[in-house]
Amino acid sequence: MENLDDLYKWFDMNRDEIVKGHEGASVLLKDDAVISYFPNDDTALEYAKKTGFSMGEFLIQECISKDEESMYYYNEAVSFG
């Protein structure tokens, strides 16, 4: 069984290829491979369960670019009363 940290590292190294054309979707990953794309995490998890994947041997990841993942949002509209 692959370590989930290693699987995430594989995703991150191949992110551009995996995300291209699937922005905003959830991707199911296992054994350094894309299993399939889904509209959301819940649907991906249901598929993984039906397929018989054990917890800890697969990763569900949102298809977002590295820039989006590391973006910080600031809101200057703070008021103290």
C-alpha atoms as a PDB file:
ATOM      1  CA  MET A   1       0.000   0.000   0.000  1.00  0.00           C
ATOM      2  CA  GLU A   2       1.261   3.425  -0.924  1.00  0.00           C
ATOM      3  CA  ASN A   3       1.744   6.157   1.632  1.00  0.00           C
ATOM      4  CA  LEU A   4      -0.821   8.959   1.192  1.00  0.00           C
ATOM      5  CA  ASP A   5       1.944  11.567   1.455  1.00  0.00           C
ATOM      6  CA  ASP A   6       3.700   9.912  -1.492  1.00  0.00           C
ATOM      7  CA  LEU A   7       0.440   9.792  -3.439  1.00  0.00           C
ATOM      8  CA  TYR A   8      -0.117  13.511  -2.821  1.00  0.00           C
ATOM      9  CA  LYS A   9       3.464  14.233  -3.920  1.00  0.00           C
ATOM     10  CA  TRP A  10       2.779  12.284  -7.134  1.00  0.00           C
ATOM     11  CA  PHE A  11      -0.391  14.336  -7.668  1.00  0.00           C
ATOM     12  CA  ASP A  12       1.498  17.568  -7.041  1.00  0.00           C
ATOM     13  CA  MET A  13       4.271  16.627  -9.505  1.00  0.00           C
ATOM     14  CA  ASN A  14       1.670  15.767 -12.166  1.00  0.00           C
ATOM     15  CA  ARG A  15      -0.883  18.393 -11.178  1.00  0.00           C
ATOM     16  CA  ASP A  16      -0.907  20.368 -14.442  1.00  0.00           C
ATOM     17  CA  GLU A  17      -1.646  17.269 -16.510  1.00  0.00           C
ATOM     18  CA  ILE A  18      -4.219  15.887 -14.054  1.00  0.00           C
ATOM     19  CA  VAL A  19      -6.096  19.183 -13.587  1.00  0.00           C
ATOM     20  CA  LYS A  20      -6.134  20.263 -17.258  1.00  0.00           C
ATOM     21  CA  GLY A  21      -9.711  20.213 -18.497  1.00  0.00           C
ATOM     22  CA  HIS A  22     -11.080  19.115 -15.108  1.00  0.00           C
ATOM     23  CA  GLU A  23     -10.843  22.326 -13.080  1.00  0.00           C
ATOM     24  CA  GLY A  24     -13.114  22.247 -10.032  1.00  0.00           C
ATOM     25  CA  ALA A  25     -13.755  18.507 -10.225  1.00  0.00           C
ATOM     26  CA  SER A  26     -12.649  15.940  -7.666  1.00  0.00           C
ATOM     27  CA  VAL A  27     -10.146  13.334  -8.817  1.00  0.00           C
ATOM     28  CA  LEU A  28      -9.777   9.875  -7.309  1.00  0.00           C
ATOM     29  CA  LEU A  29      -6.147   8.719  -7.200  1.00  0.00           C
ATOM     30  CA  LYS A  30      -4.681   5.323  -6.335  1.00  0.00           C
ATOM     31  CA  ASP A  31      -1.312   3.676  -7.031  1.00  0.00           C
ATOM     32  CA  ASP A  32       0.082   6.768  -8.800  1.00  0.00           C
ATOM     33  CA  ALA A  33      -2.800   6.761 -11.269  1.00  0.00           C
ATOM     34  CA  VAL A  34      -5.985   8.695 -11.934  1.00  0.00           C
ATOM     35  CA  ILE A  35      -8.923   6.373 -11.362  1.00  0.00           C
ATOM     36  CA  SER A  36     -11.608   8.848 -12.459  1.00  0.00           C
ATOM     37  CA  TYR A  37     -12.992  12.377 -12.128  1.00  0.00           C
ATOM     38  CA  PHE A  38     -16.167  13.239 -10.218  1.00  0.00           C
ATOM     39  CA  PRO A  39     -18.317  16.351  -9.710  1.00  0.00           C
ATOM     40  CA  ASN A  40     -17.562  16.410  -5.951  1.00  0.00           C
ATOM     41  CA  ASP A  41     -15.759  14.615  -3.117  1.00  0.00           C
ATOM     42  CA  ASP A  42     -18.854  12.748  -1.932  1.00  0.00           C
ATOM     43  CA  THR A  43     -19.406  11.137  -5.331  1.00  0.00           C
ATOM     44  CA  ALA A  44     -15.729  10.160  -5.526  1.00  0.00           C
ATOM     45  CA  LEU A  45     -15.878   8.626  -2.044  1.00  0.00           C
ATOM     46  CA  GLU A  46     -19.018   6.646  -2.882  1.00  0.00           C
ATOM     47  CA  TYR A  47     -17.295   5.261  -5.993  1.00  0.00           C
ATOM     48  CA  ALA A  48     -14.205   4.309  -3.966  1.00  0.00           C
ATOM     49  CA  LYS A  49     -16.395   2.473  -1.433  1.00  0.00           C
ATOM     50  CA  LYS A  50     -18.353   0.620  -4.160  1.00  0.00           C
ATOM     51  CA  THR A  51     -15.110  -0.363  -5.852  1.00  0.00           C
ATOM     52  CA  GLY A  52     -13.813  -1.857  -2.606  1.00  0.00           C
ATOM     53  CA  PHE A  53     -10.937   0.555  -1.990  1.00  0.00           C
ATOM     54  CA  SER A  54      -9.823   0.588   1.630  1.00  0.00           C
ATOM     55  CA  MET A  55      -9.447   3.836   3.526  1.00  0.00           C
ATOM     56  CA  GLY A  56      -5.860   5.015   3.370  1.00  0.00           C
ATOM     57  CA  GLU A  57      -5.073   3.506  -0.039  1.00  0.00           C
ATOM     58  CA  PHE A  58      -6.625   6.225  -2.191  1.00  0.00           C
ATOM     59  CA  LEU A  59      -6.720  10.002  -2.310  1.00  0.00           C
ATOM     60  CA  ILE A  60      -9.503  12.343  -3.377  1.00  0.00           C
ATOM     61  CA  GLN A  61      -8.150  15.704  -4.456  1.00  0.00           C
ATOM     62  CA  GLU A  62      -9.805  18.857  -5.780  1.00  0.00           C
ATOM     63  CA  CYS A  63      -8.581  19.772  -9.253  1.00  0.00           C
ATOM     64  CA  ILE A  64      -7.106  23.210  -8.669  1.00  0.00           C
ATOM     65  CA  SER A  65      -3.902  24.786  -9.873  1.00  0.00           C
ATOM     66  CA  LYS A  66      -0.917  25.256  -7.601  1.00  0.00           C
ATOM     67  CA  ASP A  67      -1.527  29.027  -7.695  1.00  0.00           C
ATOM     68  CA  GLU A  68      -5.125  28.622  -6.529  1.00  0.00           C
ATOM     69  CA  GLU A  69      -4.102  26.271  -3.756  1.00  0.00           C
ATOM     70  CA  SER A  70      -1.579  28.700  -2.319  1.00  0.00           C
ATOM     71  CA  MET A  71      -3.656  31.860  -2.759  1.00  0.00           C
ATOM     72  CA  TYR A  72      -4.407  33.905   0.341  1.00  0.00           C
ATOM     73  CA  TYR A  73      -7.454  36.124   0.616  1.00  0.00           C
ATOM     74  CA  TYR A  74      -7.427  39.311   2.644  1.00  0.00           C
ATOM     75  CA  ASN A  75     -10.444  41.365   3.598  1.00  0.00           C
ATOM     76  CA  GLU A  76      -9.872  44.959   4.573  1.00  0.00           C
ATOM     77  CA  ALA A  77     -13.503  45.473   5.599  1.00  0.00           C
ATOM     78  CA  VAL A  78     -12.961  44.852   9.295  1.00  0.00           C
ATOM     79  CA  SER A  79     -14.808  46.919  11.847  1.00  0.00           C
ATOM     80  CA  PHE A  80     -14.531  47.005  15.572  1.00  0.00           C
ATOM     81  CA  GLY A  81     -17.547  48.093  17.559  1.00  0.00           C
END
